Amino acid sequence: MPRSVNVVASKQKRKKILKKVKGQFGRRKNVWTVAKNAYEKGQVYAYRDRKTKKRNFRGLWIQRINAAARQYDMSYSVFMGKLHEKNILLNRKTIADLAMNHPDAFKALVDVIK
């Protein structure tokens, strides 16, 4: 009896991966083994960088809040400390948005905590 291999499923699996790496440079787009490795490495980077993205954005929000708070002679740490003292529960993303896009609202926030 001849050996039976599920060629249909194997080909579908390869086509799925090759479709996902379409647009990459060189042999990564059309050679199966290279494409498979490139795809797996890309998935690793994607997983890692979803965490890094959160870290980077938090740093950006802190920088924006610090820059806005210093306009009112206050450092970031003092500003956040006074917010927590007054029990104002706003996250850094919201405060940074106020600082960038709604300076009047941010000034009102500073006036409340002073």
PDB file of N, CA and C in Angstrom:
ATOM      1  N   MET A   1       0.846  -1.182   0.000  1.00  0.00           N
ATOM      2  CA  MET A   1       0.000   0.000   0.000  1.00  0.00           C
ATOM      3  C   MET A   1       0.890   1.243   0.000  1.00  0.00           C
ATOM      4  N   PRO A   2       0.611   2.200  -0.880  1.00  0.00           N
ATOM      5  CA  PRO A   2       1.441   3.403  -0.929  1.00  0.00           C
ATOM      6  C   PRO A   2       1.202   4.300   0.290  1.00  0.00           C
ATOM      7  N   ARG A   3       2.210   5.087   0.558  1.00  0.00           N
ATOM      8  CA  ARG A   3       2.127   6.014   1.694  1.00  0.00           C
ATOM      9  C   ARG A   3       1.138   7.125   1.370  1.00  0.00           C
ATOM     10  N   SER A   4       0.316   7.454   2.333  1.00  0.00           N
ATOM     11  CA  SER A   4      -0.707   8.481   2.121  1.00  0.00           C
ATOM     12  C   SER A   4      -0.335   9.753   2.869  1.00  0.00           C
ATOM     13  N   VAL A   5      -0.301  10.850   2.155  1.00  0.00           N
ATOM     14  CA  VAL A   5      -0.019  12.140   2.792  1.00  0.00           C
ATOM     15  C   VAL A   5      -1.162  13.090   2.466  1.00  0.00           C
ATOM     16  N   ASN A   6      -1.513  13.903   3.414  1.00  0.00           N
ATOM     17  CA  ASN A   6      -2.619  14.824   3.208  1.00  0.00           C
ATOM     18  C   ASN A   6      -2.115  16.092   2.510  1.00  0.00           C
ATOM     19  N   VAL A   7      -1.951  15.979   1.206  1.00  0.00           N
ATOM     20  CA  VAL A   7      -1.374  17.073   0.424  1.00  0.00           C
ATOM     21  C   VAL A   7      -2.268  18.310   0.438  1.00  0.00           C
ATOM     22  N   VAL A   8      -3.559  18.099   0.421  1.00  0.00           N
ATOM     23  CA  VAL A   8      -4.493  19.224   0.367  1.00  0.00           C
ATOM     24  C   VAL A   8      -4.318  20.126   1.595  1.00  0.00           C
ATOM     25  N   ALA A   9      -4.294  19.511   2.773  1.00  0.00           N
ATOM     26  CA  ALA A   9      -4.155  20.289   4.006  1.00  0.00           C
ATOM     27  C   ALA A   9      -2.789  20.951   4.077  1.00  0.00           C
ATOM     28  N   SER A  10      -1.733  20.242   3.641  1.00  0.00           N
ATOM     29  CA  SER A  10      -0.381  20.803   3.681  1.00  0.00           C
ATOM     30  C   SER A  10      -0.281  22.025   2.787  1.00  0.00           C
ATOM     31  N   LYS A  11      -0.846  21.901   1.593  1.00  0.00           N
ATOM     32  CA  LYS A  11      -0.782  23.014   0.646  1.00  0.00           C
ATOM     33  C   LYS A  11      -1.570  24.207   1.161  1.00  0.00           C
ATOM     34  N   GLN A  12      -2.729  23.954   1.770  1.00  0.00           N
ATOM     35  CA  GLN A  12      -3.535  25.048   2.327  1.00  0.00           C
ATOM     36  C   GLN A  12      -2.774  25.773   3.426  1.00  0.00           C
ATOM     37  N   LYS A  13      -2.086  24.997   4.273  1.00  0.00           N
ATOM     38  CA  LYS A  13      -1.310  25.600   5.363  1.00  0.00           C
ATOM     39  C   LYS A  13      -0.199  26.493   4.802  1.00  0.00           C
ATOM     40  N   ARG A  14       0.497  25.971   3.771  1.00  0.00           N
ATOM     41  CA  ARG A  14       1.567  26.762   3.159  1.00  0.00           C
ATOM     42  C   ARG A  14       1.027  28.025   2.498  1.00  0.00           C
ATOM     43  N   LYS A  15      -0.089  27.881   1.787  1.00  0.00           N
ATOM     44  CA  LYS A  15      -0.686  29.043   1.115  1.00  0.00           C
ATOM     45  C   LYS A  15      -1.092  30.112   2.120  1.00  0.00           C
ATOM     46  N   LYS A  16      -1.613  29.674   3.271  1.00  0.00           N
ATOM     47  CA  LYS A  16      -2.049  30.616   4.309  1.00  0.00           C
ATOM     48  C   LYS A  16      -0.868  31.432   4.822  1.00  0.00           C
ATOM     49  N   ILE A  17       0.242  30.767   5.095  1.00  0.00           N
ATOM     50  CA  ILE A  17       1.438  31.469   5.585  1.00  0.00           C
ATOM     51  C   ILE A  17       1.999  32.376   4.502  1.00  0.00           C
ATOM     52  N   LEU A  18       2.109  31.854   3.255  1.00  0.00           N
ATOM     53  CA  LEU A  18       2.670  32.663   2.165  1.00  0.00           C
ATOM     54  C   LEU A  18       1.817  33.886   1.872  1.00  0.00           C
ATOM     55  N   LYS A  19       0.516  33.770   2.078  1.00  0.00           N
ATOM     56  CA  LYS A  19      -0.359  34.933   1.888  1.00  0.00           C
ATOM     57  C   LYS A  19      -0.077  35.989   2.955  1.00  0.00           C
ATOM     58  N   LYS A  20       0.222  35.546   4.176  1.00  0.00           N
ATOM     59  CA  LYS A  20       0.482  36.482   5.270  1.00  0.00           C
ATOM     60  C   LYS A  20       1.813  37.201   5.137  1.00  0.00           C
ATOM     61  N   VAL A  21       2.798  36.582   4.448  1.00  0.00           N
ATOM     62  CA  VAL A  21       4.104  37.236   4.304  1.00  0.00           C
ATOM     63  C   VAL A  21       4.236  37.952   2.961  1.00  0.00           C
ATOM     64  N   LYS A  22       3.145  38.029   2.232  1.00  0.00           N
ATOM     65  CA  LYS A  22       3.167  38.724   0.952  1.00  0.00           C
ATOM     66  C   LYS A  22       3.585  40.180   1.181  1.00  0.00           C
ATOM     67  N   GLY A  23       4.502  40.664   0.373  1.00  0.00           N
ATOM     68  CA  GLY A  23       4.958  42.043   0.533  1.00  0.00           C
ATOM     69  C   GLY A  23       6.275  42.156   1.268  1.00  0.00           C
ATOM     70  N   GLN A  24       6.773  41.038   1.805  1.00  0.00           N
ATOM     71  CA  GLN A  24       8.081  41.086   2.454  1.00  0.00           C
ATOM     72  C   GLN A  24       9.178  41.031   1.398  1.00  0.00           C
ATOM     73  N   PHE A  25      10.403  41.286   1.804  1.00  0.00           N
ATOM     74  CA  PHE A  25      11.524  41.446   0.880  1.00  0.00           C
ATOM     75  C   PHE A  25      12.234  40.124   0.609  1.00  0.00           C
ATOM     76  N   GLY A  26      12.639  39.941  -0.625  1.00  0.00           N
ATOM     77  CA  GLY A  26      13.487  38.805  -0.981  1.00  0.00           C
ATOM     78  C   GLY A  26      12.767  37.475  -0.895  1.00  0.00           C
ATOM     79  N   ARG A  27      13.498  36.451  -0.425  1.00  0.00           N
ATOM     80  CA  ARG A  27      12.947  35.091  -0.383  1.00  0.00           C
ATOM     81  C   ARG A  27      11.921  34.915   0.723  1.00  0.00           C
ATOM     82  N   ARG A  28      11.793  35.908   1.591  1.00  0.00           N
ATOM     83  CA  ARG A  28      10.831  35.782   2.695  1.00  0.00           C
ATOM     84  C   ARG A  28       9.408  35.700   2.181  1.00  0.00           C
ATOM     85  N   LYS A  29       9.170  36.151   0.957  1.00  0.00           N
ATOM     86  CA  LYS A  29       7.799  36.177   0.448  1.00  0.00           C
ATOM     87  C   LYS A  29       7.414  34.944  -0.358  1.00  0.00           C
ATOM     88  N   ASN A  30       8.405  34.162  -0.833  1.00  0.00           N
ATOM     89  CA  ASN A  30       8.015  33.068  -1.725  1.00  0.00           C
ATOM     90  C   ASN A  30       8.692  31.724  -1.459  1.00  0.00           C
ATOM     91  N   VAL A  31       9.666  31.636  -0.588  1.00  0.00           N
ATOM     92  CA  VAL A  31      10.288  30.357  -0.246  1.00  0.00           C
ATOM     93  C   VAL A  31       9.685  29.883   1.074  1.00  0.00           C
ATOM     94  N   TRP A  32       9.130  28.692   1.066  1.00  0.00           N
ATOM     95  CA  TRP A  32       8.321  28.228   2.199  1.00  0.00           C
ATOM     96  C   TRP A  32       9.058  28.289   3.534  1.00  0.00           C
ATOM     97  N   THR A  33      10.261  27.708   3.608  1.00  0.00           N
ATOM     98  CA  THR A  33      10.939  27.636   4.904  1.00  0.00           C
ATOM     99  C   THR A  33      11.332  29.020   5.409  1.00  0.00           C
ATOM    100  N   VAL A  34      11.806  29.870   4.502  1.00  0.00           N
ATOM    101  CA  VAL A  34      12.198  31.230   4.887  1.00  0.00           C
ATOM    102  C   VAL A  34      10.954  32.025   5.300  1.00  0.00           C
ATOM    103  N   ALA A  35       9.886  31.865   4.536  1.00  0.00           N
ATOM    104  CA  ALA A  35       8.639  32.576   4.830  1.00  0.00           C
ATOM    105  C   ALA A  35       8.067  32.149   6.178  1.00  0.00           C
ATOM    106  N   LYS A  36       8.130  30.847   6.457  1.00  0.00           N
ATOM    107  CA  LYS A  36       7.591  30.339   7.724  1.00  0.00           C
ATOM    108  C   LYS A  36       8.363  30.934   8.901  1.00  0.00           C
ATOM    109  N   ASN A  37       9.691  30.963   8.788  1.00  0.00           N
ATOM    110  CA  ASN A  37      10.515  31.540   9.855  1.00  0.00           C
ATOM    111  C   ASN A  37      10.249  33.032  10.014  1.00  0.00           C
ATOM    112  N   ALA A  38      10.110  33.729   8.887  1.00  0.00           N
ATOM    113  CA  ALA A  38       9.841  35.172   8.933  1.00  0.00           C
ATOM    114  C   ALA A  38       8.499  35.454   9.595  1.00  0.00           C
ATOM    115  N   TYR A  39       7.508  34.630   9.248  1.00  0.00           N
ATOM    116  CA  TYR A  39       6.177  34.806   9.829  1.00  0.00           C
ATOM    117  C   TYR A  39       6.201  34.568  11.341  1.00  0.00           C
ATOM    118  N   GLU A  40       6.847  33.486  11.764  1.00  0.00           N
ATOM    119  CA  GLU A  40       6.908  33.171  13.198  1.00  0.00           C
ATOM    120  C   GLU A  40       7.644  34.260  13.968  1.00  0.00           C
ATOM    121  N   LYS A  41       8.739  34.752  13.398  1.00  0.00           N
ATOM    122  CA  LYS A  41       9.498  35.820  14.053  1.00  0.00           C
ATOM    123  C   LYS A  41       8.654  37.090  14.134  1.00  0.00           C
ATOM    124  N   GLY A  42       7.894  37.357  13.077  1.00  0.00           N
ATOM    125  CA  GLY A  42       7.009  38.521  13.082  1.00  0.00           C
ATOM    126  C   GLY A  42       5.952  38.437  14.165  1.00  0.00           C
ATOM    127  N   GLN A  43       5.435  37.227  14.376  1.00  0.00           N
ATOM    128  CA  GLN A  43       4.434  37.042  15.428  1.00  0.00           C
ATOM    129  C   GLN A  43       5.052  37.275  16.804  1.00  0.00           C
ATOM    130  N   VAL A  44       6.306  36.869  16.987  1.00  0.00           N
ATOM    131  CA  VAL A  44       7.003  37.090  18.250  1.00  0.00           C
ATOM    132  C   VAL A  44       7.160  38.589  18.491  1.00  0.00           C
ATOM    133  N   TYR A  45       7.588  39.305  17.443  1.00  0.00           N
ATOM    134  CA  TYR A  45       7.749  40.758  17.564  1.00  0.00           C
ATOM    135  C   TYR A  45       6.413  41.431  17.869  1.00  0.00           C
ATOM    136  N   ALA A  46       5.352  40.973  17.216  1.00  0.00           N
ATOM    137  CA  ALA A  46       4.036  41.581  17.418  1.00  0.00           C
ATOM    138  C   ALA A  46       3.587  41.416  18.860  1.00  0.00           C
ATOM    139  N   TYR A  47       3.788  40.215  19.426  1.00  0.00           N
ATOM    140  CA  TYR A  47       3.401  39.961  20.804  1.00  0.00           C
ATOM    141  C   TYR A  47       4.202  40.845  21.754  1.00  0.00           C
ATOM    142  N   ARG A  48       5.532  40.884  21.521  1.00  0.00           N
ATOM    143  CA  ARG A  48       6.412  41.668  22.395  1.00  0.00           C
ATOM    144  C   ARG A  48       6.068  43.156  22.316  1.00  0.00           C
ATOM    145  N   ASP A  49       5.829  43.639  21.101  1.00  0.00           N
ATOM    146  CA  ASP A  49       5.660  45.071  20.925  1.00  0.00           C
ATOM    147  C   ASP A  49       4.277  45.571  21.318  1.00  0.00           C
ATOM    148  N   ARG A  50       3.314  44.677  21.469  1.00  0.00           N
ATOM    149  CA  ARG A  50       2.035  45.120  22.037  1.00  0.00           C
ATOM    150  C   ARG A  50       2.239  45.568  23.480  1.00  0.00           C
ATOM    151  N   LYS A  51       3.153  44.904  24.184  1.00  0.00           N
ATOM    152  CA  LYS A  51       3.481  45.310  25.557  1.00  0.00           C
ATOM    153  C   LYS A  51       4.307  46.593  25.551  1.00  0.00           C
ATOM    154  N   THR A  52       5.274  46.671  24.635  1.00  0.00           N
ATOM    155  CA  THR A  52       6.155  47.836  24.547  1.00  0.00           C
ATOM    156  C   THR A  52       5.363  49.093  24.208  1.00  0.00           C
ATOM    157  N   LYS A  53       4.353  48.939  23.365  1.00  0.00           N
ATOM    158  CA  LYS A  53       3.525  50.073  22.950  1.00  0.00           C
ATOM    159  C   LYS A  53       2.841  50.714  24.163  1.00  0.00           C
ATOM    160  N   LYS A  54       2.335  49.893  25.059  1.00  0.00           N
ATOM    161  CA  LYS A  54       1.683  50.410  26.269  1.00  0.00           C
ATOM    162  C   LYS A  54       2.676  51.195  27.112  1.00  0.00           C
ATOM    163  N   ARG A  55       3.903  50.649  27.221  1.00  0.00           N
ATOM    164  CA  ARG A  55       4.954  51.301  27.995  1.00  0.00           C
ATOM    165  C   ARG A  55       5.320  52.649  27.377  1.00  0.00           C
ATOM    166  N   ASN A  56       5.453  52.680  26.050  1.00  0.00           N
ATOM    167  CA  ASN A  56       5.833  53.908  25.363  1.00  0.00           C
ATOM    168  C   ASN A  56       4.766  54.988  25.498  1.00  0.00           C
ATOM    169  N   PHE A  57       3.503  54.599  25.379  1.00  0.00           N
ATOM    170  CA  PHE A  57       2.436  55.581  25.478  1.00  0.00           C
ATOM    171  C   PHE A  57       2.332  56.155  26.885  1.00  0.00           C
ATOM    172  N   ARG A  58       2.520  55.317  27.896  1.00  0.00           N
ATOM    173  CA  ARG A  58       2.483  55.828  29.262  1.00  0.00           C
ATOM    174  C   ARG A  58       3.584  56.873  29.462  1.00  0.00           C
ATOM    175  N   GLY A  59       4.777  56.606  28.941  1.00  0.00           N
ATOM    176  CA  GLY A  59       5.876  57.573  29.023  1.00  0.00           C
ATOM    177  C   GLY A  59       5.540  58.872  28.315  1.00  0.00           C
ATOM    178  N   LEU A  60       4.907  58.768  27.145  1.00  0.00           N
ATOM    179  CA  LEU A  60       4.515  59.956  26.394  1.00  0.00           C
ATOM    180  C   LEU A  60       3.500  60.785  27.167  1.00  0.00           C
ATOM    181  N   TRP A  61       2.508  60.117  27.774  1.00  0.00           N
ATOM    182  CA  TRP A  61       1.498  60.843  28.551  1.00  0.00           C
ATOM    183  C   TRP A  61       2.141  61.560  29.732  1.00  0.00           C
ATOM    184  N   ILE A  62       3.084  60.906  30.387  1.00  0.00           N
ATOM    185  CA  ILE A  62       3.763  61.514  31.535  1.00  0.00           C
ATOM    186  C   ILE A  62       4.539  62.750  31.092  1.00  0.00           C
ATOM    187  N   GLN A  63       5.217  62.669  29.949  1.00  0.00           N
ATOM    188  CA  GLN A  63       5.960  63.824  29.435  1.00  0.00           C
ATOM    189  C   GLN A  63       5.028  64.994  29.128  1.00  0.00           C
ATOM    190  N   ARG A  64       3.886  64.694  28.541  1.00  0.00           N
ATOM    191  CA  ARG A  64       2.934  65.758  28.195  1.00  0.00           C
ATOM    192  C   ARG A  64       2.348  66.403  29.453  1.00  0.00           C
ATOM    193  N   ILE A  65       2.013  65.588  30.437  1.00  0.00           N
ATOM    194  CA  ILE A  65       1.474  66.126  31.690  1.00  0.00           C
ATOM    195  C   ILE A  65       2.535  66.971  32.380  1.00  0.00           C
ATOM    196  N   ASN A  66       3.763  66.502  32.396  1.00  0.00           N
ATOM    197  CA  ASN A  66       4.858  67.231  33.029  1.00  0.00           C
ATOM    198  C   ASN A  66       5.053  68.584  32.362  1.00  0.00           C
ATOM    199  N   ALA A  67       5.061  68.606  31.022  1.00  0.00           N
ATOM    200  CA  ALA A  67       5.252  69.870  30.294  1.00  0.00           C
ATOM    201  C   ALA A  67       4.125  70.846  30.595  1.00  0.00           C
ATOM    202  N   ALA A  68       2.889  70.337  30.656  1.00  0.00           N
ATOM    203  CA  ALA A  68       1.749  71.216  30.927  1.00  0.00           C
ATOM    204  C   ALA A  68       1.755  71.701  32.373  1.00  0.00           C
ATOM    205  N   ALA A  69       2.124  70.822  33.303  1.00  0.00           N
ATOM    206  CA  ALA A  69       2.135  71.195  34.722  1.00  0.00           C
ATOM    207  C   ALA A  69       3.211  72.238  34.993  1.00  0.00           C
ATOM    208  N   ARG A  70       4.333  72.154  34.314  1.00  0.00           N
ATOM    209  CA  ARG A  70       5.426  73.107  34.531  1.00  0.00           C
ATOM    210  C   ARG A  70       5.061  74.520  34.079  1.00  0.00           C
ATOM    211  N   GLN A  71       4.083  74.650  33.216  1.00  0.00           N
ATOM    212  CA  GLN A  71       3.600  75.981  32.835  1.00  0.00           C
ATOM    213  C   GLN A  71       2.943  76.683  34.024  1.00  0.00           C
ATOM    214  N   TYR A  72       2.492  75.876  34.967  1.00  0.00           N
ATOM    215  CA  TYR A  72       1.855  76.430  36.167  1.00  0.00           C
ATOM    216  C   TYR A  72       2.747  76.238  37.390  1.00  0.00           C
ATOM    217  N   ASP A  73       4.070  76.230  37.175  1.00  0.00           N
ATOM    218  CA  ASP A  73       5.075  76.136  38.249  1.00  0.00           C
ATOM    219  C   ASP A  73       4.857  74.924  39.153  1.00  0.00           C
ATOM    220  N   MET A  74       4.688  73.773  38.534  1.00  0.00           N
ATOM    221  CA  MET A  74       4.469  72.549  39.288  1.00  0.00           C
ATOM    222  C   MET A  74       5.147  71.408  38.547  1.00  0.00           C
ATOM    223  N   SER A  75       5.775  70.510  39.271  1.00  0.00           N
ATOM    224  CA  SER A  75       6.373  69.352  38.599  1.00  0.00           C
ATOM    225  C   SER A  75       5.309  68.270  38.437  1.00  0.00           C
ATOM    226  N   TYR A  76       5.649  67.268  37.646  1.00  0.00           N
ATOM    227  CA  TYR A  76       4.716  66.165  37.399  1.00  0.00           C
ATOM    228  C   TYR A  76       4.363  65.444  38.690  1.00  0.00           C
ATOM    229  N   SER A  77       5.379  65.162  39.501  1.00  0.00           N
ATOM    230  CA  SER A  77       5.132  64.373  40.711  1.00  0.00           C
ATOM    231  C   SER A  77       4.263  65.136  41.705  1.00  0.00           C
ATOM    232  N   VAL A  78       4.519  66.439  41.826  1.00  0.00           N
ATOM    233  CA  VAL A  78       3.696  67.258  42.727  1.00  0.00           C
ATOM    234  C   VAL A  78       2.263  67.312  42.208  1.00  0.00           C
ATOM    235  N   PHE A  79       2.125  67.507  40.899  1.00  0.00           N
ATOM    236  CA  PHE A  79       0.798  67.576  40.282  1.00  0.00           C
ATOM    237  C   PHE A  79       0.004  66.295  40.536  1.00  0.00           C
ATOM    238  N   MET A  80       0.632  65.146  40.261  1.00  0.00           N
ATOM    239  CA  MET A  80      -0.067  63.875  40.447  1.00  0.00           C
ATOM    240  C   MET A  80      -0.348  63.602  41.928  1.00  0.00           C
ATOM    241  N   GLY A  81       0.594  63.985  42.781  1.00  0.00           N
ATOM    242  CA  GLY A  81       0.385  63.808  44.213  1.00  0.00           C
ATOM    243  C   GLY A  81      -0.816  64.592  44.713  1.00  0.00           C
ATOM    244  N   LYS A  82      -0.931  65.852  44.254  1.00  0.00           N
ATOM    245  CA  LYS A  82      -2.077  66.673  44.672  1.00  0.00           C
ATOM    246  C   LYS A  82      -3.386  66.154  44.092  1.00  0.00           C
ATOM    247  N   LEU A  83      -3.332  65.607  42.892  1.00  0.00           N
ATOM    248  CA  LEU A  83      -4.542  65.007  42.315  1.00  0.00           C
ATOM    249  C   LEU A  83      -5.036  63.859  43.195  1.00  0.00           C
ATOM    250  N   HIS A  84      -4.114  63.027  43.629  1.00  0.00           N
ATOM    251  CA  HIS A  84      -4.492  61.882  44.469  1.00  0.00           C
ATOM    252  C   HIS A  84      -4.955  62.343  45.843  1.00  0.00           C
ATOM    253  N   GLU A  85      -4.338  63.409  46.358  1.00  0.00           N
ATOM    254  CA  GLU A  85      -4.772  63.979  47.641  1.00  0.00           C
ATOM    255  C   GLU A  85      -6.228  64.430  47.570  1.00  0.00           C
ATOM    256  N   LYS A  86      -6.561  65.121  46.477  1.00  0.00           N
ATOM    257  CA  LYS A  86      -7.930  65.640  46.304  1.00  0.00           C
ATOM    258  C   LYS A  86      -8.898  64.549  45.838  1.00  0.00           C
ATOM    259  N   ASN A  87      -8.363  63.329  45.668  1.00  0.00           N
ATOM    260  CA  ASN A  87      -9.179  62.183  45.254  1.00  0.00           C
ATOM    261  C   ASN A  87      -9.819  62.389  43.876  1.00  0.00           C
ATOM    262  N   ILE A  88      -9.053  62.990  42.965  1.00  0.00           N
ATOM    263  CA  ILE A  88      -9.510  63.163  41.585  1.00  0.00           C
ATOM    264  C   ILE A  88      -8.988  61.963  40.797  1.00  0.00           C
ATOM    265  N   LEU A  89      -9.885  61.106  40.368  1.00  0.00           N
ATOM    266  CA  LEU A  89      -9.499  59.852  39.738  1.00  0.00           C
ATOM    267  C   LEU A  89      -9.554  59.966  38.213  1.00  0.00           C
ATOM    268  N   LEU A  90      -8.526  60.582  37.634  1.00  0.00           N
ATOM    269  CA  LEU A  90      -8.385  60.649  36.185  1.00  0.00           C
ATOM    270  C   LEU A  90      -7.111  59.911  35.808  1.00  0.00           C
ATOM    271  N   ASN A  91      -7.174  59.143  34.743  1.00  0.00           N
ATOM    272  CA  ASN A  91      -5.962  58.429  34.340  1.00  0.00           C
ATOM    273  C   ASN A  91      -5.049  59.345  33.528  1.00  0.00           C
ATOM    274  N   ARG A  92      -3.813  58.900  33.329  1.00  0.00           N
ATOM    275  CA  ARG A  92      -2.800  59.722  32.665  1.00  0.00           C
ATOM    276  C   ARG A  92      -3.166  60.015  31.220  1.00  0.00           C
ATOM    277  N   LYS A  93      -3.816  59.081  30.567  1.00  0.00           N
ATOM    278  CA  LYS A  93      -4.212  59.282  29.169  1.00  0.00           C
ATOM    279  C   LYS A  93      -5.188  60.452  29.059  1.00  0.00           C
ATOM    280  N   THR A  94      -6.147  60.506  29.952  1.00  0.00           N
ATOM    281  CA  THR A  94      -7.146  61.570  29.934  1.00  0.00           C
ATOM    282  C   THR A  94      -6.523  62.919  30.283  1.00  0.00           C
ATOM    283  N   ILE A  95      -5.668  62.928  31.299  1.00  0.00           N
ATOM    284  CA  ILE A  95      -5.028  64.181  31.719  1.00  0.00           C
ATOM    285  C   ILE A  95      -4.125  64.711  30.603  1.00  0.00           C
ATOM    286  N   ALA A  96      -3.397  63.809  29.944  1.00  0.00           N
ATOM    287  CA  ALA A  96      -2.532  64.217  28.833  1.00  0.00           C
ATOM    288  C   ALA A  96      -3.349  64.781  27.682  1.00  0.00           C
ATOM    289  N   ASP A  97      -4.520  64.197  27.422  1.00  0.00           N
ATOM    290  CA  ASP A  97      -5.402  64.709  26.377  1.00  0.00           C
ATOM    291  C   ASP A  97      -5.909  66.104  26.738  1.00  0.00           C
ATOM    292  N   LEU A  98      -6.254  66.288  28.005  1.00  0.00           N
ATOM    293  CA  LEU A  98      -6.675  67.622  28.445  1.00  0.00           C
ATOM    294  C   LEU A  98      -5.539  68.628  28.272  1.00  0.00           C
ATOM    295  N   ALA A  99      -4.334  68.222  28.641  1.00  0.00           N
ATOM    296  CA  ALA A  99      -3.176  69.111  28.555  1.00  0.00           C
ATOM    297  C   ALA A  99      -2.900  69.517  27.110  1.00  0.00           C
ATOM    298  N   MET A 100      -3.030  68.580  26.181  1.00  0.00           N
ATOM    299  CA  MET A 100      -2.710  68.859  24.779  1.00  0.00           C
ATOM    300  C   MET A 100      -3.845  69.592  24.058  1.00  0.00           C
ATOM    301  N   ASN A 101      -5.058  69.105  24.195  1.00  0.00           N
ATOM    302  CA  ASN A 101      -6.156  69.562  23.337  1.00  0.00           C
ATOM    303  C   ASN A 101      -7.138  70.517  24.014  1.00  0.00           C
ATOM    304  N   HIS A 102      -7.146  70.540  25.350  1.00  0.00           N
ATOM    305  CA  HIS A 102      -8.089  71.396  26.072  1.00  0.00           C
ATOM    306  C   HIS A 102      -7.360  72.118  27.205  1.00  0.00           C
ATOM    307  N   PRO A 103      -6.507  73.103  26.870  1.00  0.00           N
ATOM    308  CA  PRO A 103      -5.704  73.756  27.915  1.00  0.00           C
ATOM    309  C   PRO A 103      -6.543  74.467  28.981  1.00  0.00           C
ATOM    310  N   ASP A 104      -7.726  74.937  28.607  1.00  0.00           N
ATOM    311  CA  ASP A 104      -8.592  75.594  29.590  1.00  0.00           C
ATOM    312  C   ASP A 104      -9.064  74.598  30.654  1.00  0.00           C
ATOM    313  N   ALA A 105      -9.420  73.420  30.206  1.00  0.00           N
ATOM    314  CA  ALA A 105      -9.854  72.375  31.140  1.00  0.00           C
ATOM    315  C   ALA A 105      -8.685  71.953  32.047  1.00  0.00           C
ATOM    316  N   PHE A 106      -7.492  71.893  31.475  1.00  0.00           N
ATOM    317  CA  PHE A 106      -6.319  71.526  32.286  1.00  0.00           C
ATOM    318  C   PHE A 106      -6.042  72.606  33.323  1.00  0.00           C
ATOM    319  N   LYS A 107      -6.202  73.874  32.916  1.00  0.00           N
ATOM    320  CA  LYS A 107      -5.994  74.985  33.863  1.00  0.00           C
ATOM    321  C   LYS A 107      -7.010  74.904  34.997  1.00  0.00           C
ATOM    322  N   ALA A 108      -8.255  74.562  34.658  1.00  0.00           N
ATOM    323  CA  ALA A 108      -9.274  74.385  35.688  1.00  0.00           C
ATOM    324  C   ALA A 108      -8.888  73.269  36.652  1.00  0.00           C
ATOM    325  N   LEU A 109      -8.303  72.227  36.135  1.00  0.00           N
ATOM    326  CA  LEU A 109      -7.843  71.120  36.961  1.00  0.00           C
ATOM    327  C   LEU A 109      -6.724  71.591  37.914  1.00  0.00           C
ATOM    328  N   VAL A 110      -5.817  72.386  37.384  1.00  0.00           N
ATOM    329  CA  VAL A 110      -4.727  72.929  38.208  1.00  0.00           C
ATOM    330  C   VAL A 110      -5.295  73.834  39.294  1.00  0.00           C
ATOM    331  N   ASP A 111      -6.287  74.665  38.930  1.00  0.00           N
ATOM    332  CA  ASP A 111      -6.895  75.570  39.907  1.00  0.00           C
ATOM    333  C   ASP A 111      -7.581  74.803  41.036  1.00  0.00           C
ATOM    334  N   VAL A 112      -8.176  73.673  40.714  1.00  0.00           N
ATOM    335  CA  VAL A 112      -8.863  72.856  41.729  1.00  0.00           C
ATOM    336  C   VAL A 112      -7.854  72.298  42.745  1.00  0.00           C
ATOM    337  N   ILE A 113      -6.692  71.892  42.270  1.00  0.00           N
ATOM    338  CA  ILE A 113      -5.751  71.255  43.188  1.00  0.00           C
ATOM    339  C   ILE A 113      -4.839  72.248  43.910  1.00  0.00           C
ATOM    340  N   LYS A 114      -4.779  73.492  43.467  1.00  0.00           N
ATOM    341  CA  LYS A 114      -3.886  74.463  44.123  1.00  0.00           C
ATOM    342  C   LYS A 114      -4.503  74.961  45.427  1.00  0.00           C
TER     343      LYS A 114
END
